[in-house]
Amino acid sequence: MGIDRGSQLLFSDFANDGAMWAGEGHRDIRVLITFSERFVTPPVVMVGMSMLDVANDANTRVDISSDNVTETDFEIVFHTWGDTKVARARADWMAFGEVADDDDWDVP
């Protein structure tokens, strides 16, 4: 079994008045993460918020998840809606799965 992990700034929209900071409608962002080592099969991936900077004049509505998990990479998906204004967000992630080993047998 192998474990890979990391931290990723997803966006920082307050400085340039980006879409997440505009606070209107349905907004998604996808960030591709590449594992440091290939897994034998797609691993189990856990994603969580490690920093969330939001405006205080509206409800905080956020959803974070992983998607399109393969042996080599996955996407972090951040979603907000309504009038929520998100200035910036960072996610931490961890992947657990089978990795190749020098002692593995390759029997044809």
PDB file of N, CA and C in Angstrom:
ATOM      1  N   MET A   1       0.839  -1.172   0.000  1.00  0.00           N
ATOM      2  CA  MET A   1       0.000   0.000   0.000  1.00  0.00           C
ATOM      3  C   MET A   1       0.887   1.239   0.000  1.00  0.00           C
ATOM      4  N   GLY A   2       0.386   2.263  -0.649  1.00  0.00           N
ATOM      5  CA  GLY A   2       1.106   3.517  -0.679  1.00  0.00           C
ATOM      6  C   GLY A   2       0.196   4.673  -0.318  1.00  0.00           C
ATOM      7  N   ILE A   3       0.809   5.745   0.139  1.00  0.00           N
ATOM      8  CA  ILE A   3       0.092   6.967   0.494  1.00  0.00           C
ATOM      9  C   ILE A   3       0.779   8.134  -0.188  1.00  0.00           C
ATOM     10  N   ASP A   4      -0.008   9.000  -0.781  1.00  0.00           N
ATOM     11  CA  ASP A   4       0.496  10.253  -1.334  1.00  0.00           C
ATOM     12  C   ASP A   4      -0.386  11.350  -0.759  1.00  0.00           C
ATOM     13  N   ARG A   5       0.171  12.536  -0.585  1.00  0.00           N
ATOM     14  CA  ARG A   5      -0.626  13.623  -0.021  1.00  0.00           C
ATOM     15  C   ARG A   5      -0.080  14.952  -0.502  1.00  0.00           C
ATOM     16  N   GLY A   6      -0.897  15.985  -0.341  1.00  0.00           N
ATOM     17  CA  GLY A   6      -0.445  17.309  -0.731  1.00  0.00           C
ATOM     18  C   GLY A   6      -1.418  18.393  -0.311  1.00  0.00           C
ATOM     19  N   SER A   7      -1.032  19.613  -0.607  1.00  0.00           N
ATOM     20  CA  SER A   7      -1.836  20.798  -0.325  1.00  0.00           C
ATOM     21  C   SER A   7      -1.840  21.645  -1.585  1.00  0.00           C
ATOM     22  N   GLN A   8      -2.999  22.177  -1.948  1.00  0.00           N
ATOM     23  CA  GLN A   8      -3.118  22.905  -3.205  1.00  0.00           C
ATOM     24  C   GLN A   8      -3.976  24.157  -3.029  1.00  0.00           C
ATOM     25  N   LEU A   9      -3.403  25.317  -3.355  1.00  0.00           N
ATOM     26  CA  LEU A   9      -4.211  26.531  -3.434  1.00  0.00           C
ATOM     27  C   LEU A   9      -5.096  26.395  -4.658  1.00  0.00           C
ATOM     28  N   LEU A  10      -6.397  26.466  -4.469  1.00  0.00           N
ATOM     29  CA  LEU A  10      -7.328  26.267  -5.573  1.00  0.00           C
ATOM     30  C   LEU A  10      -7.528  27.535  -6.390  1.00  0.00           C
ATOM     31  N   PHE A  11      -7.634  28.662  -5.701  1.00  0.00           N
ATOM     32  CA  PHE A  11      -7.779  29.950  -6.384  1.00  0.00           C
ATOM     33  C   PHE A  11      -7.583  31.060  -5.372  1.00  0.00           C
ATOM     34  N   SER A  12      -7.343  32.264  -5.887  1.00  0.00           N
ATOM     35  CA  SER A  12      -7.222  33.477  -5.078  1.00  0.00           C
ATOM     36  C   SER A  12      -7.868  34.596  -5.888  1.00  0.00           C
ATOM     37  N   ASP A  13      -9.193  34.699  -5.804  1.00  0.00           N
ATOM     38  CA  ASP A  13      -9.968  35.570  -6.692  1.00  0.00           C
ATOM     39  C   ASP A  13     -10.194  36.984  -6.178  1.00  0.00           C
ATOM     40  N   PHE A  14      -9.892  37.267  -4.915  1.00  0.00           N
ATOM     41  CA  PHE A  14     -10.189  38.597  -4.392  1.00  0.00           C
ATOM     42  C   PHE A  14      -9.297  39.669  -5.006  1.00  0.00           C
ATOM     43  N   ALA A  15      -8.070  39.343  -5.350  1.00  0.00           N
ATOM     44  CA  ALA A  15      -7.124  40.332  -5.881  1.00  0.00           C
ATOM     45  C   ALA A  15      -7.508  40.834  -7.271  1.00  0.00           C
ATOM     46  N   ASN A  16      -8.145  39.962  -8.073  1.00  0.00           N
ATOM     47  CA  ASN A  16      -8.493  40.349  -9.443  1.00  0.00           C
ATOM     48  C   ASN A  16     -10.002  40.323  -9.703  1.00  0.00           C
ATOM     49  N   ASP A  17     -10.803  40.313  -8.638  1.00  0.00           N
ATOM     50  CA  ASP A  17     -12.268  40.288  -8.746  1.00  0.00           C
ATOM     51  C   ASP A  17     -12.748  39.128  -9.621  1.00  0.00           C
ATOM     52  N   GLY A  18     -12.165  37.951  -9.380  1.00  0.00           N
ATOM     53  CA  GLY A  18     -12.494  36.760 -10.166  1.00  0.00           C
ATOM     54  C   GLY A  18     -13.894  36.236  -9.895  1.00  0.00           C
ATOM     55  N   ALA A  19     -14.240  35.185 -10.608  1.00  0.00           N
ATOM     56  CA  ALA A  19     -15.600  34.631 -10.589  1.00  0.00           C
ATOM     57  C   ALA A  19     -16.046  34.180  -9.201  1.00  0.00           C
ATOM     58  N   MET A  20     -15.174  33.563  -8.437  1.00  0.00           N
ATOM     59  CA  MET A  20     -15.564  33.084  -7.106  1.00  0.00           C
ATOM     60  C   MET A  20     -15.856  34.255  -6.159  1.00  0.00           C
ATOM     61  N   TRP A  21     -15.175  35.367  -6.362  1.00  0.00           N
ATOM     62  CA  TRP A  21     -15.358  36.539  -5.513  1.00  0.00           C
ATOM     63  C   TRP A  21     -16.548  37.384  -5.970  1.00  0.00           C
ATOM     64  N   ALA A  22     -16.988  37.222  -7.202  1.00  0.00           N
ATOM     65  CA  ALA A  22     -18.118  37.999  -7.734  1.00  0.00           C
ATOM     66  C   ALA A  22     -19.411  37.693  -6.977  1.00  0.00           C
ATOM     67  N   GLY A  23     -19.550  36.459  -6.497  1.00  0.00           N
ATOM     68  CA  GLY A  23     -20.695  36.099  -5.669  1.00  0.00           C
ATOM     69  C   GLY A  23     -22.005  36.003  -6.409  1.00  0.00           C
ATOM     70  N   GLU A  24     -21.972  35.457  -7.617  1.00  0.00           N
ATOM     71  CA  GLU A  24     -23.210  35.319  -8.384  1.00  0.00           C
ATOM     72  C   GLU A  24     -23.285  33.943  -9.029  1.00  0.00           C
ATOM     73  N   GLY A  25     -24.387  33.253  -8.773  1.00  0.00           N
ATOM     74  CA  GLY A  25     -24.687  32.027  -9.492  1.00  0.00           C
ATOM     75  C   GLY A  25     -23.829  30.827  -9.152  1.00  0.00           C
ATOM     76  N   HIS A  26     -23.913  29.849 -10.016  1.00  0.00           N
ATOM     77  CA  HIS A  26     -23.258  28.552  -9.899  1.00  0.00           C
ATOM     78  C   HIS A  26     -21.806  28.692 -10.354  1.00  0.00           C
ATOM     79  N   ARG A  27     -20.857  28.336  -9.479  1.00  0.00           N
ATOM     80  CA  ARG A  27     -19.438  28.454  -9.825  1.00  0.00           C
ATOM     81  C   ARG A  27     -18.693  27.205  -9.398  1.00  0.00           C
ATOM     82  N   ASP A  28     -17.953  26.632 -10.331  1.00  0.00           N
ATOM     83  CA  ASP A  28     -17.130  25.452 -10.084  1.00  0.00           C
ATOM     84  C   ASP A  28     -15.705  25.727 -10.529  1.00  0.00           C
ATOM     85  N   ILE A  29     -14.769  25.081  -9.874  1.00  0.00           N
ATOM     86  CA  ILE A  29     -13.389  25.086 -10.335  1.00  0.00           C
ATOM     87  C   ILE A  29     -12.861  23.672 -10.170  1.00  0.00           C
ATOM     88  N   ARG A  30     -12.090  23.227 -11.152  1.00  0.00           N
ATOM     89  CA  ARG A  30     -11.455  21.912 -11.123  1.00  0.00           C
ATOM     90  C   ARG A  30      -9.959  22.107 -11.230  1.00  0.00           C
ATOM     91  N   VAL A  31      -9.219  21.434 -10.337  1.00  0.00           N
ATOM     92  CA  VAL A  31      -7.761  21.527 -10.337  1.00  0.00           C
ATOM     93  C   VAL A  31      -7.205  20.115 -10.457  1.00  0.00           C
ATOM     94  N   LEU A  32      -6.392  19.883 -11.494  1.00  0.00           N
ATOM     95  CA  LEU A  32      -5.789  18.574 -11.717  1.00  0.00           C
ATOM     96  C   LEU A  32      -4.580  18.386 -10.800  1.00  0.00           C
ATOM     97  N   ILE A  33      -4.563  17.263 -10.102  1.00  0.00           N
ATOM     98  CA  ILE A  33      -3.465  16.904  -9.206  1.00  0.00           C
ATOM     99  C   ILE A  33      -2.817  15.631  -9.754  1.00  0.00           C
ATOM    100  N   THR A  34      -1.505  15.654  -9.922  1.00  0.00           N
ATOM    101  CA  THR A  34      -0.764  14.485 -10.390  1.00  0.00           C
ATOM    102  C   THR A  34      -0.047  13.848  -9.200  1.00  0.00           C
ATOM    103  N   PHE A  35      -0.210  12.535  -9.040  1.00  0.00           N
ATOM    104  CA  PHE A  35       0.433  11.824  -7.945  1.00  0.00           C
ATOM    105  C   PHE A  35       1.944  11.788  -8.161  1.00  0.00           C
ATOM    106  N   SER A  36       2.685  11.691  -7.066  1.00  0.00           N
ATOM    107  CA  SER A  36       4.144  11.639  -7.160  1.00  0.00           C
ATOM    108  C   SER A  36       4.632  10.287  -7.675  1.00  0.00           C
ATOM    109  N   GLU A  37       3.794   9.275  -7.544  1.00  0.00           N
ATOM    110  CA  GLU A  37       4.119   7.928  -8.027  1.00  0.00           C
ATOM    111  C   GLU A  37       2.833   7.298  -8.539  1.00  0.00           C
ATOM    112  N   ARG A  38       2.945   6.499  -9.585  1.00  0.00           N
ATOM    113  CA  ARG A  38       1.774   5.832 -10.169  1.00  0.00           C
ATOM    114  C   ARG A  38       1.255   4.754  -9.214  1.00  0.00           C
ATOM    115  N   PHE A  39      -0.052   4.702  -9.043  1.00  0.00           N
ATOM    116  CA  PHE A  39      -0.690   3.627  -8.298  1.00  0.00           C
ATOM    117  C   PHE A  39      -0.996   2.479  -9.261  1.00  0.00           C
ATOM    118  N   VAL A  40      -1.125   1.252  -8.755  1.00  0.00           N
ATOM    119  CA  VAL A  40      -1.444   0.092  -9.583  1.00  0.00           C
ATOM    120  C   VAL A  40      -2.899   0.167 -10.056  1.00  0.00           C
ATOM    121  N   THR A  41      -3.778   0.579  -9.169  1.00  0.00           N
ATOM    122  CA  THR A  41      -5.191   0.790  -9.472  1.00  0.00           C
ATOM    123  C   THR A  41      -5.565   2.174  -8.940  1.00  0.00           C
ATOM    124  N   PRO A  42      -6.682   2.738  -9.374  1.00  0.00           N
ATOM    125  CA  PRO A  42      -7.066   4.048  -8.842  1.00  0.00           C
ATOM    126  C   PRO A  42      -7.189   4.012  -7.318  1.00  0.00           C
ATOM    127  N   PRO A  43      -6.520   4.926  -6.631  1.00  0.00           N
ATOM    128  CA  PRO A  43      -6.551   4.928  -5.167  1.00  0.00           C
ATOM    129  C   PRO A  43      -7.840   5.551  -4.620  1.00  0.00           C
ATOM    130  N   VAL A  44      -8.017   5.427  -3.337  1.00  0.00           N
ATOM    131  CA  VAL A  44      -9.067   6.147  -2.623  1.00  0.00           C
ATOM    132  C   VAL A  44      -8.491   7.527  -2.304  1.00  0.00           C
ATOM    133  N   VAL A  45      -9.229   8.588  -2.619  1.00  0.00           N
ATOM    134  CA  VAL A  45      -8.743   9.952  -2.409  1.00  0.00           C
ATOM    135  C   VAL A  45      -9.677  10.678  -1.449  1.00  0.00           C
ATOM    136  N   MET A  46      -9.081  11.299  -0.436  1.00  0.00           N
ATOM    137  CA  MET A  46      -9.824  12.135   0.514  1.00  0.00           C
ATOM    138  C   MET A  46      -9.385  13.585   0.293  1.00  0.00           C
ATOM    139  N   VAL A  47     -10.353  14.490   0.246  1.00  0.00           N
ATOM    140  CA  VAL A  47     -10.071  15.912   0.059  1.00  0.00           C
ATOM    141  C   VAL A  47     -10.772  16.697   1.159  1.00  0.00           C
ATOM    142  N   GLY A  48     -10.094  17.696   1.707  1.00  0.00           N
ATOM    143  CA  GLY A  48     -10.697  18.546   2.729  1.00  0.00           C
ATOM    144  C   GLY A  48     -10.198  19.975   2.602  1.00  0.00           C
ATOM    145  N   MET A  49     -10.976  20.893   3.116  1.00  0.00           N
ATOM    146  CA  MET A  49     -10.587  22.302   3.103  1.00  0.00           C
ATOM    147  C   MET A  49      -9.530  22.534   4.188  1.00  0.00           C
ATOM    148  N   SER A  50      -8.453  23.217   3.817  1.00  0.00           N
ATOM    149  CA  SER A  50      -7.453  23.595   4.809  1.00  0.00           C
ATOM    150  C   SER A  50      -7.404  25.108   4.993  1.00  0.00           C
ATOM    151  N   MET A  51      -8.046  25.854   4.084  1.00  0.00           N
ATOM    152  CA  MET A  51      -8.174  27.303   4.240  1.00  0.00           C
ATOM    153  C   MET A  51      -9.357  27.763   3.394  1.00  0.00           C
ATOM    154  N   LEU A  52     -10.204  28.590   3.984  1.00  0.00           N
ATOM    155  CA  LEU A  52     -11.360  29.139   3.287  1.00  0.00           C
ATOM    156  C   LEU A  52     -11.534  30.578   3.741  1.00  0.00           C
ATOM    157  N   ASP A  53     -11.462  31.503   2.790  1.00  0.00           N
ATOM    158  CA  ASP A  53     -11.579  32.927   3.067  1.00  0.00           C
ATOM    159  C   ASP A  53     -12.832  33.423   2.349  1.00  0.00           C
ATOM    160  N   VAL A  54     -13.877  33.739   3.115  1.00  0.00           N
ATOM    161  CA  VAL A  54     -15.160  34.125   2.535  1.00  0.00           C
ATOM    162  C   VAL A  54     -15.616  35.476   3.073  1.00  0.00           C
ATOM    163  N   ALA A  55     -16.454  36.159   2.280  1.00  0.00           N
ATOM    164  CA  ALA A  55     -17.051  37.414   2.728  1.00  0.00           C
ATOM    165  C   ALA A  55     -18.060  37.116   3.836  1.00  0.00           C
ATOM    166  N   ASN A  56     -18.271  38.091   4.724  1.00  0.00           N
ATOM    167  CA  ASN A  56     -19.179  37.856   5.852  1.00  0.00           C
ATOM    168  C   ASN A  56     -20.573  38.445   5.638  1.00  0.00           C
ATOM    169  N   ASP A  57     -20.883  38.889   4.425  1.00  0.00           N
ATOM    170  CA  ASP A  57     -22.186  39.502   4.174  1.00  0.00           C
ATOM    171  C   ASP A  57     -23.182  38.557   3.498  1.00  0.00           C
ATOM    172  N   ALA A  58     -22.849  37.271   3.408  1.00  0.00           N
ATOM    173  CA  ALA A  58     -23.751  36.286   2.806  1.00  0.00           C
ATOM    174  C   ALA A  58     -23.489  34.929   3.449  1.00  0.00           C
ATOM    175  N   ASN A  59     -24.372  33.971   3.180  1.00  0.00           N
ATOM    176  CA  ASN A  59     -24.174  32.617   3.682  1.00  0.00           C
ATOM    177  C   ASN A  59     -22.954  31.985   3.025  1.00  0.00           C
ATOM    178  N   THR A  60     -22.293  31.106   3.758  1.00  0.00           N
ATOM    179  CA  THR A  60     -21.163  30.356   3.204  1.00  0.00           C
ATOM    180  C   THR A  60     -21.684  29.034   2.667  1.00  0.00           C
ATOM    181  N   ARG A  61     -21.581  28.879   1.364  1.00  0.00           N
ATOM    182  CA  ARG A  61     -22.039  27.655   0.697  1.00  0.00           C
ATOM    183  C   ARG A  61     -20.863  27.103  -0.102  1.00  0.00           C
ATOM    184  N   VAL A  62     -20.303  25.991   0.329  1.00  0.00           N
ATOM    185  CA  VAL A  62     -19.180  25.391  -0.388  1.00  0.00           C
ATOM    186  C   VAL A  62     -19.306  23.875  -0.379  1.00  0.00           C
ATOM    187  N   ASP A  63     -18.785  23.281  -1.420  1.00  0.00           N
ATOM    188  CA  ASP A  63     -18.729  21.832  -1.539  1.00  0.00           C
ATOM    189  C   ASP A  63     -17.378  21.504  -2.159  1.00  0.00           C
ATOM    190  N   ILE A  64     -16.697  20.502  -1.622  1.00  0.00           N
ATOM    191  CA  ILE A  64     -15.397  20.089  -2.162  1.00  0.00           C
ATOM    192  C   ILE A  64     -15.382  18.576  -2.261  1.00  0.00           C
ATOM    193  N   SER A  65     -14.793  18.068  -3.354  1.00  0.00           N
ATOM    194  CA  SER A  65     -14.752  16.624  -3.572  1.00  0.00           C
ATOM    195  C   SER A  65     -13.632  16.282  -4.545  1.00  0.00           C
ATOM    196  N   SER A  66     -13.419  14.976  -4.728  1.00  0.00           N
ATOM    197  CA  SER A  66     -12.497  14.500  -5.753  1.00  0.00           C
ATOM    198  C   SER A  66     -13.317  13.897  -6.888  1.00  0.00           C
ATOM    199  N   ASP A  67     -12.737  13.912  -8.095  1.00  0.00           N
ATOM    200  CA  ASP A  67     -13.431  13.375  -9.263  1.00  0.00           C
ATOM    201  C   ASP A  67     -12.384  12.861 -10.248  1.00  0.00           C
ATOM    202  N   ASN A  68     -12.799  11.989 -11.128  1.00  0.00           N
ATOM    203  CA  ASN A  68     -11.945  11.467 -12.201  1.00  0.00           C
ATOM    204  C   ASN A  68     -10.620  10.915 -11.671  1.00  0.00           C
ATOM    205  N   VAL A  69     -10.707  10.070 -10.648  1.00  0.00           N
ATOM    206  CA  VAL A  69      -9.504   9.482 -10.048  1.00  0.00           C
ATOM    207  C   VAL A  69      -8.982   8.367 -10.949  1.00  0.00           C
ATOM    208  N   THR A  70      -7.696   8.459 -11.301  1.00  0.00           N
ATOM    209  CA  THR A  70      -7.022   7.419 -12.083  1.00  0.00           C
ATOM    210  C   THR A  70      -5.778   6.974 -11.320  1.00  0.00           C
ATOM    211  N   GLU A  71      -4.994   6.097 -11.931  1.00  0.00           N
ATOM    212  CA  GLU A  71      -3.756   5.628 -11.321  1.00  0.00           C
ATOM    213  C   GLU A  71      -2.711   6.733 -11.223  1.00  0.00           C
ATOM    214  N   THR A  72      -2.847   7.793 -12.027  1.00  0.00           N
ATOM    215  CA  THR A  72      -1.811   8.826 -12.096  1.00  0.00           C
ATOM    216  C   THR A  72      -2.241  10.199 -11.596  1.00  0.00           C
ATOM    217  N   ASP A  73      -3.556  10.454 -11.531  1.00  0.00           N
ATOM    218  CA  ASP A  73      -3.994  11.792 -11.142  1.00  0.00           C
ATOM    219  C   ASP A  73      -5.471  11.816 -10.752  1.00  0.00           C
ATOM    220  N   PHE A  74      -5.945  12.975 -10.338  1.00  0.00           N
ATOM    221  CA  PHE A  74      -7.356  13.186 -10.019  1.00  0.00           C
ATOM    222  C   PHE A  74      -7.634  14.689 -10.061  1.00  0.00           C
ATOM    223  N   GLU A  75      -8.902  15.048  -9.983  1.00  0.00           N
ATOM    224  CA  GLU A  75      -9.297  16.451  -9.943  1.00  0.00           C
ATOM    225  C   GLU A  75      -9.912  16.783  -8.590  1.00  0.00           C
ATOM    226  N   ILE A  76      -9.514  17.934  -8.041  1.00  0.00           N
ATOM    227  CA  ILE A  76     -10.212  18.498  -6.896  1.00  0.00           C
ATOM    228  C   ILE A  76     -11.307  19.387  -7.475  1.00  0.00           C
ATOM    229  N   VAL A  77     -12.534  19.209  -7.005  1.00  0.00           N
ATOM    230  CA  VAL A  77     -13.670  19.997  -7.476  1.00  0.00           C
ATOM    231  C   VAL A  77     -14.170  20.858  -6.324  1.00  0.00           C
ATOM    232  N   PHE A  78     -14.149  22.179  -6.529  1.00  0.00           N
ATOM    233  CA  PHE A  78     -14.675  23.137  -5.558  1.00  0.00           C
ATOM    234  C   PHE A  78     -15.897  23.783  -6.183  1.00  0.00           C
ATOM    235  N   HIS A  79     -16.967  23.865  -5.390  1.00  0.00           N
ATOM    236  CA  HIS A  79     -18.239  24.383  -5.913  1.00  0.00           C
ATOM    237  C   HIS A  79     -18.860  25.325  -4.889  1.00  0.00           C
ATOM    238  N   THR A  80     -19.375  26.456  -5.369  1.00  0.00           N
ATOM    239  CA  THR A  80     -20.175  27.352  -4.542  1.00  0.00           C
ATOM    240  C   THR A  80     -21.348  27.862  -5.367  1.00  0.00           C
ATOM    241  N   TRP A  81     -22.319  28.478  -4.724  1.00  0.00           N
ATOM    242  CA  TRP A  81     -23.522  28.924  -5.430  1.00  0.00           C
ATOM    243  C   TRP A  81     -24.159  30.078  -4.665  1.00  0.00           C
ATOM    244  N   GLY A  82     -25.236  30.597  -5.247  1.00  0.00           N
ATOM    245  CA  GLY A  82     -25.959  31.703  -4.629  1.00  0.00           C
ATOM    246  C   GLY A  82     -25.105  32.953  -4.568  1.00  0.00           C
ATOM    247  N   ASP A  83     -25.228  33.708  -3.474  1.00  0.00           N
ATOM    248  CA  ASP A  83     -24.502  34.976  -3.341  1.00  0.00           C
ATOM    249  C   ASP A  83     -23.206  34.837  -2.530  1.00  0.00           C
ATOM    250  N   THR A  84     -22.760  33.594  -2.290  1.00  0.00           N
ATOM    251  CA  THR A  84     -21.524  33.360  -1.541  1.00  0.00           C
ATOM    252  C   THR A  84     -20.334  33.957  -2.286  1.00  0.00           C
ATOM    253  N   LYS A  85     -19.497  34.676  -1.552  1.00  0.00           N
ATOM    254  CA  LYS A  85     -18.274  35.257  -2.114  1.00  0.00           C
ATOM    255  C   LYS A  85     -17.077  34.575  -1.468  1.00  0.00           C
ATOM    256  N   VAL A  86     -16.298  33.871  -2.281  1.00  0.00           N
ATOM    257  CA  VAL A  86     -15.115  33.176  -1.788  1.00  0.00           C
ATOM    258  C   VAL A  86     -13.877  33.884  -2.335  1.00  0.00           C
ATOM    259  N   ALA A  87     -13.069  34.420  -1.434  1.00  0.00           N
ATOM    260  CA  ALA A  87     -11.853  35.127  -1.840  1.00  0.00           C
ATOM    261  C   ALA A  87     -10.769  34.152  -2.266  1.00  0.00           C
ATOM    262  N   ARG A  88     -10.574  33.110  -1.453  1.00  0.00           N
ATOM    263  CA  ARG A  88      -9.560  32.112  -1.789  1.00  0.00           C
ATOM    264  C   ARG A  88      -9.829  30.834  -1.006  1.00  0.00           C
ATOM    265  N   ALA A  89      -9.283  29.756  -1.535  1.00  0.00           N
ATOM    266  CA  ALA A  89      -9.478  28.454  -0.904  1.00  0.00           C
ATOM    267  C   ALA A  89      -8.264  27.572  -1.156  1.00  0.00           C
ATOM    268  N   ARG A  90      -7.952  26.752  -0.151  1.00  0.00           N
ATOM    269  CA  ARG A  90      -6.867  25.777  -0.270  1.00  0.00           C
ATOM    270  C   ARG A  90      -7.405  24.428   0.207  1.00  0.00           C
ATOM    271  N   ALA A  91      -7.000  23.371  -0.471  1.00  0.00           N
ATOM    272  CA  ALA A  91      -7.428  22.023  -0.107  1.00  0.00           C
ATOM    273  C   ALA A  91      -6.215  21.159   0.202  1.00  0.00           C
ATOM    274  N   ASP A  92      -6.371  20.280   1.174  1.00  0.00           N
ATOM    275  CA  ASP A  92      -5.395  19.234   1.448  1.00  0.00           C
ATOM    276  C   ASP A  92      -6.000  17.920   0.982  1.00  0.00           C
ATOM    277  N   TRP A  93      -5.170  17.043   0.485  1.00  0.00           N
ATOM    278  CA  TRP A  93      -5.657  15.765  -0.035  1.00  0.00           C
ATOM    279  C   TRP A  93      -4.727  14.632   0.369  1.00  0.00           C
ATOM    280  N   MET A  94      -5.291  13.419   0.378  1.00  0.00           N
ATOM    281  CA  MET A  94      -4.525  12.223   0.673  1.00  0.00           C
ATOM    282  C   MET A  94      -5.080  11.079  -0.170  1.00  0.00           C
ATOM    283  N   ALA A  95      -4.172  10.318  -0.774  1.00  0.00           N
ATOM    284  CA  ALA A  95      -4.554   9.173  -1.604  1.00  0.00           C
ATOM    285  C   ALA A  95      -3.956   7.900  -1.006  1.00  0.00           C
ATOM    286  N   PHE A  96      -4.770   6.842  -0.929  1.00  0.00           N
ATOM    287  CA  PHE A  96      -4.357   5.545  -0.405  1.00  0.00           C
ATOM    288  C   PHE A  96      -4.601   4.505  -1.487  1.00  0.00           C
ATOM    289  N   GLY A  97      -3.586   3.709  -1.790  1.00  0.00           N
ATOM    290  CA  GLY A  97      -3.808   2.676  -2.792  1.00  0.00           C
ATOM    291  C   GLY A  97      -2.624   1.767  -2.977  1.00  0.00           C
ATOM    292  N   GLU A  98      -2.826   0.807  -3.845  1.00  0.00           N
ATOM    293  CA  GLU A  98      -1.797  -0.183  -4.133  1.00  0.00           C
ATOM    294  C   GLU A  98      -0.728   0.419  -5.044  1.00  0.00           C
ATOM    295  N   VAL A  99       0.535   0.229  -4.673  1.00  0.00           N
ATOM    296  CA  VAL A  99       1.657   0.677  -5.497  1.00  0.00           C
ATOM    297  C   VAL A  99       2.525  -0.525  -5.850  1.00  0.00           C
ATOM    298  N   ALA A 100       3.276  -0.396  -6.940  1.00  0.00           N
ATOM    299  CA  ALA A 100       4.153  -1.484  -7.370  1.00  0.00           C
ATOM    300  C   ALA A 100       5.292  -1.658  -6.370  1.00  0.00           C
ATOM    301  N   ASP A 101       5.792  -2.875  -6.299  1.00  0.00           N
ATOM    302  CA  ASP A 101       6.888  -3.202  -5.396  1.00  0.00           C
ATOM    303  C   ASP A 101       7.902  -4.049  -6.159  1.00  0.00           C
ATOM    304  N   ASP A 102       9.172  -3.910  -5.825  1.00  0.00           N
ATOM    305  CA  ASP A 102      10.227  -4.706  -6.484  1.00  0.00           C
ATOM    306  C   ASP A 102      10.018  -6.197  -6.277  1.00  0.00           C
ATOM    307  N   ASP A 103       9.335  -6.587  -5.223  1.00  0.00           N
ATOM    308  CA  ASP A 103       9.095  -8.005  -4.937  1.00  0.00           C
ATOM    309  C   ASP A 103       7.863  -8.551  -5.632  1.00  0.00           C
ATOM    310  N   ASP A 104       7.122  -7.722  -6.370  1.00  0.00           N
ATOM    311  CA  ASP A 104       5.948  -8.201  -7.104  1.00  0.00           C
ATOM    312  C   ASP A 104       6.382  -9.181  -8.189  1.00  0.00           C
ATOM    313  N   TRP A 105       5.628 -10.220  -8.373  1.00  0.00           N
ATOM    314  CA  TRP A 105       5.910 -11.204  -9.414  1.00  0.00           C
ATOM    315  C   TRP A 105       5.157 -10.832 -10.662  1.00  0.00           C
ATOM    316  N   ASP A 106       5.780 -10.968 -11.783  1.00  0.00           N
ATOM    317  CA  ASP A 106       5.137 -10.740 -13.077  1.00  0.00           C
ATOM    318  C   ASP A 106       5.106 -12.056 -13.807  1.00  0.00           C
ATOM    319  N   VAL A 107       4.041 -12.826 -13.601  1.00  0.00           N
ATOM    320  CA  VAL A 107       3.922 -14.155 -14.187  1.00  0.00           C
ATOM    321  C   VAL A 107       3.117 -14.053 -15.479  1.00  0.00           C
ATOM    322  N   PRO A 108       3.748 -14.404 -16.607  1.00  0.00           N
ATOM    323  CA  PRO A 108       3.034 -14.321 -17.897  1.00  0.00           C
ATOM    324  C   PRO A 108       1.986 -15.392 -18.049  1.00  0.00           C
TER     325      PRO A 108
END
